[in-house]
Protein backbone atom coordinates (compact mmCIF):
# COMPACT_ATOMS: atom_id res chain seq x y z
CA MET A 1 5.58 7.95 16.00
CA ASN A 2 2.23 6.05 15.41
CA LYS A 3 0.41 4.10 18.09
CA PHE A 4 1.07 0.46 16.90
CA GLY A 5 5.15 1.65 17.16
CA GLU A 6 4.83 3.27 20.33
CA LYS A 7 3.02 0.12 21.73
CA LEU A 8 5.63 -1.63 20.27
CA ARG A 9 8.23 0.24 21.46
CA GLN A 10 6.84 -0.35 25.08
CA LEU A 11 6.38 -4.28 24.78
CA ARG A 12 9.86 -4.52 23.61
CA ASN A 13 11.11 -2.33 26.47
CA GLU A 14 9.31 -4.13 29.27
CA LYS A 15 10.91 -7.74 27.65
CA LYS A 16 14.34 -6.01 28.10
CA LEU A 17 15.02 -6.50 24.26
CA THR A 18 16.67 -4.69 21.79
CA ILE A 19 15.41 -3.67 18.09
CA ARG A 20 18.65 -6.30 16.72
CA LYS A 21 17.84 -8.30 19.23
CA LEU A 22 14.25 -8.79 18.83
CA SER A 23 15.00 -8.82 15.26
CA GLU A 24 16.39 -11.81 15.93
CA LEU A 25 14.25 -13.29 17.75
CA SER A 26 11.43 -12.85 15.41
CA GLY A 27 13.30 -13.13 12.11
CA VAL A 28 12.08 -9.43 11.43
CA ALA A 29 14.98 -7.37 10.06
CA HIS A 30 16.35 -5.06 12.39
CA SER A 31 15.55 -1.98 10.26
CA TYR A 32 11.70 -2.54 9.17
CA LEU A 33 11.17 -3.13 13.83
CA SER A 34 13.31 0.70 14.16
CA GLN A 35 11.17 1.93 11.19
CA VAL A 36 7.92 0.42 12.13
CA GLU A 37 8.50 2.21 15.60
CA ASN A 38 9.34 5.19 14.53
CA GLY A 39 5.83 5.85 12.35
CA LYS A 40 8.02 5.31 9.26
CA ARG A 41 6.40 2.48 7.70
CA GLY A 42 2.40 1.28 8.71
CA ILE A 43 1.37 -1.61 10.63
CA PRO A 44 2.65 -4.56 9.54
CA LYS A 45 0.82 -7.48 8.26
CA VAL A 46 -0.97 -10.36 10.03
CA ASP A 47 2.35 -13.39 9.22
CA THR A 48 4.63 -10.36 10.49
CA LEU A 49 3.07 -9.47 13.80
CA GLU A 50 3.05 -13.09 14.18
CA LYS A 51 6.64 -13.56 13.89
CA ILE A 52 7.00 -10.40 15.77
CA ALA A 53 5.43 -11.84 18.72
CA ALA A 54 7.16 -15.29 18.51
CA GLY A 55 10.32 -12.77 19.45
CA LEU A 56 8.74 -10.62 22.25
CA ASN A 57 7.01 -13.84 23.73
CA ILE A 58 3.61 -13.03 23.76
CA PRO A 59 0.06 -14.44 22.15
CA SER A 60 0.03 -13.17 18.60
CA ILE A 61 -3.49 -12.21 19.24
CA ASP A 62 -2.40 -9.54 21.78
CA LEU A 63 -0.33 -7.65 18.64
CA LEU A 64 -3.34 -8.24 16.62
CA VAL A 65 -5.79 -6.23 18.88
CA GLN A 66 -3.23 -3.06 19.26
CA ALA A 67 -2.71 -3.89 15.33
CA GLY A 68 -6.20 -3.26 14.90
CA TYR A 69 -6.97 -6.60 12.73
CA ILE A 70 -8.88 -7.50 15.88
CA ASP A 71 -11.30 -5.26 17.15
CA PRO A 72 -10.62 -5.06 21.11
CA ILE A 73 -14.20 -5.17 22.19
CA ASP A 74 -14.97 -8.05 20.50
CA PHE A 75 -11.81 -9.65 21.91
CA ILE A 76 -12.83 -9.11 25.27
CA LYS A 77 -16.29 -10.62 24.93
CA ILE A 78 -14.26 -13.36 23.50
CA GLU A 79 -12.03 -13.82 26.47
CA ASN A 80 -14.92 -13.44 29.01
CA GLU A 81 -17.21 -15.94 26.71
CA LYS A 82 -14.05 -18.29 26.76
CA GLU A 83 -14.09 -17.96 30.47
CA ASP A 84 -17.97 -18.00 31.32
CA ILE A 85 -18.04 -21.56 28.69
CA GLU A 86 -17.05 -24.57 30.26
CA TRP A 87 -18.69 -27.77 28.62
CA SER A 88 -17.35 -30.75 27.42
CA LEU A 89 -18.37 -33.11 24.10
CA ALA A 90 -19.15 -35.65 27.19
CA ASP A 91 -22.29 -32.95 27.91
CA GLN A 92 -23.18 -32.38 24.41
CA GLU A 93 -26.38 -34.51 22.87
CA GLN A 94 -25.28 -34.21 18.89
CA GLU A 95 -22.11 -35.92 17.85
CA PRO A 96 -18.64 -33.41 17.14
CA PHE A 97 -17.28 -32.70 13.71
CA SER A 98 -14.62 -31.29 13.03
CA LEU A 99 -14.34 -27.48 11.87
CA ASP A 100 -11.38 -28.41 10.30
CA TYR A 101 -12.73 -30.96 8.29
CA LEU A 102 -16.13 -28.82 7.06
CA LEU A 103 -13.49 -25.91 6.22
CA GLU A 104 -11.52 -27.95 3.51
CA SER A 105 -14.45 -29.61 2.66
CA ASN A 106 -16.45 -29.91 -0.60
CA HIS A 107 -19.78 -28.89 1.29
CA PRO A 108 -21.13 -25.44 0.59
CA ILE A 109 -20.62 -23.37 3.88
CA PHE A 110 -22.51 -20.13 3.60
CA PHE A 111 -22.20 -17.46 5.68
CA GLN A 112 -24.66 -14.15 5.98
CA GLU A 113 -26.79 -16.48 3.14
CA ARG A 114 -23.41 -15.49 0.93
CA LEU A 115 -21.58 -18.95 -0.42
CA LEU A 116 -18.07 -19.30 0.95
CA THR A 117 -15.11 -19.65 -1.67
CA LYS A 118 -12.47 -21.37 -1.31
CA GLU A 119 -9.81 -18.42 -0.12
CA GLU A 120 -12.60 -17.48 2.23
CA ARG A 121 -12.54 -20.71 4.07
CA ALA A 122 -8.77 -20.50 3.79
CA LYS A 123 -8.66 -17.17 5.18
CA ILE A 124 -11.30 -17.89 8.02
CA LYS A 125 -8.71 -21.40 8.96
CA SER A 126 -6.05 -19.32 8.98
CA LEU A 127 -7.92 -16.61 11.84
CA ILE A 128 -8.45 -19.54 14.21
CA GLU A 129 -5.63 -21.51 13.74
CA ILE A 130 -3.93 -17.79 14.91
CA PHE A 131 -6.70 -17.48 17.46
CA LEU A 132 -6.81 -20.97 18.99
CA ARG A 133 -2.14 -21.00 18.72
CA ASP A 134 -1.83 -18.87 21.49
């Protein structure tokens, strides 16, 4: 059994759910869940992890960290920063803008001196939505 499979089984057992009940709640096949828990399948894709997290009634970011999609140290830093930073738009001297609008616009967006493609912008938007959903 792989570590992720062990963690998934632990979370499911903590919630007192059978594999079939988690399957029903998440929409993920019970056979697939069993294979993941027993290490016969690799780590699920992000969209599958989101479904499993919903079935477990936990933030999807928790499973994304467990699965290795998000570095645990970065996650801790982000969580600490969220707790430390308290600001409001009223305190800001600049006009607010919508990141959502910027990512969907035709304005050139660069990261580390490289122009982002539409696909990369969509991925970034998806990650932000996942992070902010929970």
